[in-house]
Amino acid sequence: MAKKDAPPRWDRRMQQRLARGEAAALGEFYDRFASLVHGLAHRVLGDEEAADGVTREVFTHVWENPDSYDPGQGPLRSWVATLTHRLAVQRLRAAETAALPQDGRGTSEELERKVRHASVAARADYIVSSMPVPLRAALERAYFQRRDYRQTAADLGITEDEARRRLRLGLQLVSTAHEAGPFGAPPEPEAAW
């Protein structure tokens, strides 16, 4: 039996293929993670062109530095999400800093508040997109369709107790977006971002 913290076989093989410079590996990697990368970047930046730029930066970094992924630190998906988050926040900070009025009316505290808000929202999106389908389906019905647990149970063909359990667990997972650092990692010092 594999060690619990061992990365999935696909992650290890993909890193090896990228390290060998296989262009087909980059294409497969892109197919798997492009929507995640672009979605997270867009969520942080709120701008399509800026998200496109971060997406290019992420895949360029992966191609040029495949050994920067440490399988001991977690799955490749989390590494890519953390890399995306870091690059998007850097770009947001640079854009917001450049946009601060030179007369001193804008403050760095406002900038940090915007960055924190965007970071929490991106982490929440990542958590929801990564959770098991049964939890996500229950949350989507409750949040987007404004269904209560009884209606969610009927929609999903499950018991009301199971619907409450899924909704509670899903909300608990989403609430961790405020507590953890990027994508489940321990919180990092603000200066490191």
C-alpha atoms as a PDB file:
ATOM      1  CA  MET A   1       0.000   0.000   0.000  1.00  0.00           C
ATOM      2  CA  ALA A   2       1.295   3.477  -0.886  1.00  0.00           C
ATOM      3  CA  LYS A   3       2.209   5.964   1.806  1.00  0.00           C
ATOM      4  CA  LYS A   4      -0.644   8.290   2.661  1.00  0.00           C
ATOM      5  CA  ASP A   5       1.326  11.401   1.744  1.00  0.00           C
ATOM      6  CA  ALA A   6       2.715  10.030  -1.516  1.00  0.00           C
ATOM      7  CA  PRO A   7       1.560  12.056  -4.530  1.00  0.00           C
ATOM      8  CA  PRO A   8      -0.639  10.345  -7.104  1.00  0.00           C
ATOM      9  CA  ARG A   9       1.200   8.395  -9.782  1.00  0.00           C
ATOM     10  CA  TRP A  10       0.034  10.833 -12.475  1.00  0.00           C
ATOM     11  CA  ASP A  11       1.661  13.739 -10.600  1.00  0.00           C
ATOM     12  CA  ARG A  12       5.029  11.979 -10.373  1.00  0.00           C
ATOM     13  CA  ARG A  13       4.957  10.862 -14.011  1.00  0.00           C
ATOM     14  CA  MET A  14       3.944  14.318 -15.199  1.00  0.00           C
ATOM     15  CA  GLN A  15       6.789  15.972 -13.321  1.00  0.00           C
ATOM     16  CA  GLN A  16       9.264  13.473 -14.803  1.00  0.00           C
ATOM     17  CA  ARG A  17       7.940  14.033 -18.332  1.00  0.00           C
ATOM     18  CA  LEU A  18       8.115  17.807 -17.946  1.00  0.00           C
ATOM     19  CA  ALA A  19      11.667  17.531 -16.594  1.00  0.00           C
ATOM     20  CA  ARG A  20      12.608  15.568 -19.743  1.00  0.00           C
ATOM     21  CA  GLY A  21      11.192  18.421 -21.835  1.00  0.00           C
ATOM     22  CA  GLU A  22       8.302  16.500 -23.407  1.00  0.00           C
ATOM     23  CA  ALA A  23       6.150  19.071 -25.199  1.00  0.00           C
ATOM     24  CA  ALA A  24       3.233  16.613 -25.183  1.00  0.00           C
ATOM     25  CA  ALA A  25       3.429  16.553 -21.389  1.00  0.00           C
ATOM     26  CA  LEU A  26       3.006  20.327 -21.266  1.00  0.00           C
ATOM     27  CA  GLY A  27      -0.057  20.021 -23.502  1.00  0.00           C
ATOM     28  CA  GLU A  28      -1.573  17.370 -21.245  1.00  0.00           C
ATOM     29  CA  PHE A  29      -0.704  19.435 -18.170  1.00  0.00           C
ATOM     30  CA  TYR A  30      -2.329  22.478 -19.752  1.00  0.00           C
ATOM     31  CA  ASP A  31      -5.474  20.525 -20.645  1.00  0.00           C
ATOM     32  CA  ARG A  32      -5.823  19.352 -17.070  1.00  0.00           C
ATOM     33  CA  PHE A  33      -5.101  22.607 -15.233  1.00  0.00           C
ATOM     34  CA  ALA A  34      -5.782  25.552 -17.582  1.00  0.00           C
ATOM     35  CA  SER A  35      -9.330  26.166 -16.371  1.00  0.00           C
ATOM     36  CA  LEU A  36      -8.218  25.991 -12.731  1.00  0.00           C
ATOM     37  CA  VAL A  37      -5.325  28.390 -13.317  1.00  0.00           C
ATOM     38  CA  HIS A  38      -7.305  30.889 -15.370  1.00  0.00           C
ATOM     39  CA  GLY A  39     -10.302  30.730 -13.033  1.00  0.00           C
ATOM     40  CA  LEU A  40      -8.224  31.394  -9.921  1.00  0.00           C
ATOM     41  CA  ALA A  41      -6.279  34.179 -11.601  1.00  0.00           C
ATOM     42  CA  HIS A  42      -9.491  35.794 -12.828  1.00  0.00           C
ATOM     43  CA  ARG A  43     -11.054  35.498  -9.364  1.00  0.00           C
ATOM     44  CA  VAL A  44      -8.107  37.299  -7.762  1.00  0.00           C
ATOM     45  CA  LEU A  45      -7.612  39.919 -10.489  1.00  0.00           C
ATOM     46  CA  GLY A  46     -11.136  40.431 -11.816  1.00  0.00           C
ATOM     47  CA  ASP A  47      -9.704  41.080 -15.267  1.00  0.00           C
ATOM     48  CA  GLU A  48      -9.664  38.727 -18.244  1.00  0.00           C
ATOM     49  CA  GLU A  49      -6.458  40.049 -19.814  1.00  0.00           C
ATOM     50  CA  ALA A  50      -4.590  39.991 -16.515  1.00  0.00           C
ATOM     51  CA  ALA A  51      -5.807  36.442 -15.870  1.00  0.00           C
ATOM     52  CA  ASP A  52      -4.564  35.441 -19.336  1.00  0.00           C
ATOM     53  CA  GLY A  53      -1.170  36.895 -18.463  1.00  0.00           C
ATOM     54  CA  VAL A  54      -0.967  35.006 -15.168  1.00  0.00           C
ATOM     55  CA  THR A  55      -2.025  31.813 -16.951  1.00  0.00           C
ATOM     56  CA  ARG A  56       0.858  32.239 -19.393  1.00  0.00           C
ATOM     57  CA  GLU A  57       3.256  32.939 -16.510  1.00  0.00           C
ATOM     58  CA  VAL A  58       2.168  29.819 -14.632  1.00  0.00           C
ATOM     59  CA  PHE A  59       2.598  27.478 -17.580  1.00  0.00           C
ATOM     60  CA  THR A  60       5.894  29.113 -18.544  1.00  0.00           C
ATOM     61  CA  HIS A  61       7.128  28.607 -14.981  1.00  0.00           C
ATOM     62  CA  VAL A  62       6.028  24.963 -14.998  1.00  0.00           C
ATOM     63  CA  TRP A  63       7.762  24.345 -18.331  1.00  0.00           C
ATOM     64  CA  GLU A  64      10.973  26.073 -17.306  1.00  0.00           C
ATOM     65  CA  ASN A  65      11.062  24.845 -13.679  1.00  0.00           C
ATOM     66  CA  PRO A  66       9.357  21.438 -13.415  1.00  0.00           C
ATOM     67  CA  ASP A  67      11.630  20.482 -10.514  1.00  0.00           C
ATOM     68  CA  SER A  68      10.253  23.324  -8.396  1.00  0.00           C
ATOM     69  CA  TYR A  69       7.296  21.033  -7.632  1.00  0.00           C
ATOM     70  CA  ASP A  70       8.042  19.045  -4.462  1.00  0.00           C
ATOM     71  CA  PRO A  71       5.823  15.932  -4.348  1.00  0.00           C
ATOM     72  CA  GLY A  72       6.355  15.766  -0.593  1.00  0.00           C
ATOM     73  CA  GLN A  73       4.438  19.027  -0.198  1.00  0.00           C
ATOM     74  CA  GLY A  74       1.192  17.728  -1.696  1.00  0.00           C
ATOM     75  CA  PRO A  75      -0.559  17.110  -4.999  1.00  0.00           C
ATOM     76  CA  LEU A  76       0.387  18.819  -8.224  1.00  0.00           C
ATOM     77  CA  ARG A  77      -3.052  20.464  -8.374  1.00  0.00           C
ATOM     78  CA  SER A  78      -2.446  22.258  -5.059  1.00  0.00           C
ATOM     79  CA  TRP A  79       1.032  23.325  -6.150  1.00  0.00           C
ATOM     80  CA  VAL A  80      -0.346  24.803  -9.380  1.00  0.00           C
ATOM     81  CA  ALA A  81      -3.129  26.575  -7.475  1.00  0.00           C
ATOM     82  CA  THR A  82      -0.649  28.020  -4.971  1.00  0.00           C
ATOM     83  CA  LEU A  83       1.674  29.156  -7.767  1.00  0.00           C
ATOM     84  CA  THR A  84      -1.264  30.771  -9.574  1.00  0.00           C
ATOM     85  CA  HIS A  85      -2.421  32.481  -6.404  1.00  0.00           C
ATOM     86  CA  ARG A  86       1.043  33.843  -5.663  1.00  0.00           C
ATOM     87  CA  LEU A  87       1.551  35.222  -9.174  1.00  0.00           C
ATOM     88  CA  ALA A  88      -1.959  36.703  -9.309  1.00  0.00           C
ATOM     89  CA  VAL A  89      -1.543  38.421  -5.939  1.00  0.00           C
ATOM     90  CA  GLN A  90       1.832  39.816  -7.034  1.00  0.00           C
ATOM     91  CA  ARG A  91       0.212  41.203 -10.176  1.00  0.00           C
ATOM     92  CA  LEU A  92      -2.736  42.615  -8.191  1.00  0.00           C
ATOM     93  CA  ARG A  93      -0.438  44.301  -5.703  1.00  0.00           C
ATOM     94  CA  ALA A  94       1.668  45.794  -8.490  1.00  0.00           C
ATOM     95  CA  ALA A  95      -1.416  47.096 -10.316  1.00  0.00           C
ATOM     96  CA  GLU A  96      -3.024  48.480  -7.168  1.00  0.00           C
ATOM     97  CA  THR A  97       0.219  50.076  -5.969  1.00  0.00           C
ATOM     98  CA  ALA A  98       0.638  51.787  -9.338  1.00  0.00           C
ATOM     99  CA  ALA A  99      -2.962  53.001  -9.124  1.00  0.00           C
ATOM    100  CA  LEU A 100      -2.597  54.546  -5.636  1.00  0.00           C
ATOM    101  CA  PRO A 101      -2.957  58.300  -5.907  1.00  0.00           C
ATOM    102  CA  GLN A 102       0.338  60.136  -5.580  1.00  0.00           C
ATOM    103  CA  ASP A 103      -1.293  62.680  -3.235  1.00  0.00           C
ATOM    104  CA  GLY A 104      -1.535  60.073  -0.462  1.00  0.00           C
ATOM    105  CA  ARG A 105      -5.324  59.677  -0.447  1.00  0.00           C
ATOM    106  CA  GLY A 106      -5.123  55.920  -1.132  1.00  0.00           C
ATOM    107  CA  THR A 107      -3.522  53.771   1.523  1.00  0.00           C
ATOM    108  CA  SER A 108      -1.550  50.573   1.589  1.00  0.00           C
ATOM    109  CA  GLU A 109      -4.118  49.275   4.114  1.00  0.00           C
ATOM    110  CA  GLU A 110      -6.827  49.562   1.443  1.00  0.00           C
ATOM    111  CA  LEU A 111      -4.587  47.671  -0.963  1.00  0.00           C
ATOM    112  CA  GLU A 112      -3.956  44.891   1.569  1.00  0.00           C
ATOM    113  CA  ARG A 113      -7.688  44.650   2.314  1.00  0.00           C
ATOM    114  CA  LYS A 114      -8.413  44.210  -1.410  1.00  0.00           C
ATOM    115  CA  VAL A 115      -5.674  41.594  -1.733  1.00  0.00           C
ATOM    116  CA  ARG A 116      -6.920  39.655   1.315  1.00  0.00           C
ATOM    117  CA  HIS A 117     -10.496  39.749   0.030  1.00  0.00           C
ATOM    118  CA  ALA A 118      -9.451  38.475  -3.395  1.00  0.00           C
ATOM    119  CA  SER A 119      -7.293  35.773  -1.804  1.00  0.00           C
ATOM    120  CA  VAL A 120     -10.086  34.466   0.412  1.00  0.00           C
ATOM    121  CA  ALA A 121     -12.504  34.423  -2.524  1.00  0.00           C
ATOM    122  CA  ALA A 122     -10.024  32.528  -4.684  1.00  0.00           C
ATOM    123  CA  ARG A 123      -9.376  29.985  -1.913  1.00  0.00           C
ATOM    124  CA  ALA A 124     -13.120  29.481  -1.446  1.00  0.00           C
ATOM    125  CA  ASP A 125     -13.571  28.902  -5.189  1.00  0.00           C
ATOM    126  CA  TYR A 126     -10.731  26.409  -5.168  1.00  0.00           C
ATOM    127  CA  ILE A 127     -12.163  24.566  -2.158  1.00  0.00           C
ATOM    128  CA  VAL A 128     -15.592  24.277  -3.781  1.00  0.00           C
ATOM    129  CA  SER A 129     -14.191  23.127  -7.119  1.00  0.00           C
ATOM    130  CA  SER A 130     -12.014  20.516  -5.370  1.00  0.00           C
ATOM    131  CA  MET A 131     -14.602  19.038  -3.039  1.00  0.00           C
ATOM    132  CA  PRO A 132     -16.304  15.733  -3.806  1.00  0.00           C
ATOM    133  CA  VAL A 133     -19.230  15.955  -6.219  1.00  0.00           C
ATOM    134  CA  PRO A 134     -21.907  15.021  -3.621  1.00  0.00           C
ATOM    135  CA  LEU A 135     -20.885  17.904  -1.341  1.00  0.00           C
ATOM    136  CA  ARG A 136     -20.557  20.358  -4.216  1.00  0.00           C
ATOM    137  CA  ALA A 137     -23.965  19.354  -5.631  1.00  0.00           C
ATOM    138  CA  ALA A 138     -25.632  19.965  -2.268  1.00  0.00           C
ATOM    139  CA  LEU A 139     -23.942  23.357  -1.835  1.00  0.00           C
ATOM    140  CA  GLU A 140     -24.785  24.450  -5.369  1.00  0.00           C
ATOM    141  CA  ARG A 141     -28.458  23.686  -4.829  1.00  0.00           C
ATOM    142  CA  ALA A 142     -28.512  25.488  -1.501  1.00  0.00           C
ATOM    143  CA  TYR A 143     -26.545  28.518  -2.648  1.00  0.00           C
ATOM    144  CA  PHE A 144     -27.326  29.058  -6.313  1.00  0.00           C
ATOM    145  CA  GLN A 145     -30.838  27.629  -6.404  1.00  0.00           C
ATOM    146  CA  ARG A 146     -31.717  28.778  -2.859  1.00  0.00           C
ATOM    147  CA  ARG A 147     -32.933  25.323  -1.874  1.00  0.00           C
ATOM    148  CA  ASP A 148     -33.234  24.334   1.794  1.00  0.00           C
ATOM    149  CA  TYR A 149     -31.998  20.968   3.057  1.00  0.00           C
ATOM    150  CA  ARG A 150     -35.390  19.313   2.490  1.00  0.00           C
ATOM    151  CA  GLN A 151     -35.548  20.465  -1.137  1.00  0.00           C
ATOM    152  CA  THR A 152     -31.886  19.545  -1.631  1.00  0.00           C
ATOM    153  CA  ALA A 153     -32.585  16.047  -0.275  1.00  0.00           C
ATOM    154  CA  ALA A 154     -35.505  15.619  -2.660  1.00  0.00           C
ATOM    155  CA  ASP A 155     -33.485  16.963  -5.632  1.00  0.00           C
ATOM    156  CA  LEU A 156     -30.577  14.625  -4.931  1.00  0.00           C
ATOM    157  CA  GLY A 157     -32.646  11.608  -3.907  1.00  0.00           C
ATOM    158  CA  ILE A 158     -31.052  11.378  -0.450  1.00  0.00           C
ATOM    159  CA  THR A 159     -32.367  11.540   3.098  1.00  0.00           C
ATOM    160  CA  GLU A 160     -32.821  14.876   4.810  1.00  0.00           C
ATOM    161  CA  ASP A 161     -30.200  13.864   7.388  1.00  0.00           C
ATOM    162  CA  GLU A 162     -27.714  13.159   4.593  1.00  0.00           C
ATOM    163  CA  ALA A 163     -28.525  16.501   2.936  1.00  0.00           C
ATOM    164  CA  ARG A 164     -27.910  18.337   6.237  1.00  0.00           C
ATOM    165  CA  ARG A 165     -24.642  16.425   6.710  1.00  0.00           C
ATOM    166  CA  ARG A 166     -23.417  17.296   3.204  1.00  0.00           C
ATOM    167  CA  LEU A 167     -24.361  20.942   3.547  1.00  0.00           C
ATOM    168  CA  ARG A 168     -22.748  21.215   6.989  1.00  0.00           C
ATOM    169  CA  LEU A 169     -19.527  19.545   5.832  1.00  0.00           C
ATOM    170  CA  GLY A 170     -19.406  21.595   2.632  1.00  0.00           C
ATOM    171  CA  LEU A 171     -19.862  24.849   4.560  1.00  0.00           C
ATOM    172  CA  GLN A 172     -17.205  23.807   7.068  1.00  0.00           C
ATOM    173  CA  LEU A 173     -14.778  23.237   4.200  1.00  0.00           C
ATOM    174  CA  VAL A 174     -15.591  26.600   2.616  1.00  0.00           C
ATOM    175  CA  SER A 175     -15.159  28.360   5.968  1.00  0.00           C
ATOM    176  CA  THR A 176     -11.529  27.224   6.042  1.00  0.00           C
ATOM    177  CA  ALA A 177     -10.835  29.684   3.227  1.00  0.00           C
ATOM    178  CA  HIS A 178     -10.623  32.387   5.909  1.00  0.00           C
ATOM    179  CA  GLU A 179      -8.363  30.371   8.188  1.00  0.00           C
ATOM    180  CA  ALA A 180      -5.722  28.755   5.990  1.00  0.00           C
ATOM    181  CA  GLY A 181      -3.071  30.147   3.713  1.00  0.00           C
ATOM    182  CA  PRO A 182      -3.334  29.593  -0.021  1.00  0.00           C
ATOM    183  CA  PHE A 183      -5.160  26.416  -0.857  1.00  0.00           C
ATOM    184  CA  GLY A 184      -4.942  24.672   2.467  1.00  0.00           C
ATOM    185  CA  ALA A 185      -1.311  25.461   3.244  1.00  0.00           C
ATOM    186  CA  PRO A 186      -0.474  27.017   6.608  1.00  0.00           C
ATOM    187  CA  PRO A 187      -0.840  30.797   6.558  1.00  0.00           C
ATOM    188  CA  GLU A 188       2.198  32.567   5.179  1.00  0.00           C
ATOM    189  CA  PRO A 189       3.508  35.879   6.466  1.00  0.00           C
ATOM    190  CA  GLU A 190       2.043  38.723   4.417  1.00  0.00           C
ATOM    191  CA  ALA A 191       5.501  39.814   3.265  1.00  0.00           C
ATOM    192  CA  ALA A 192       6.104  36.423   1.648  1.00  0.00           C
ATOM    193  CA  TRP A 193       3.235  36.950  -0.792  1.00  0.00           C
END
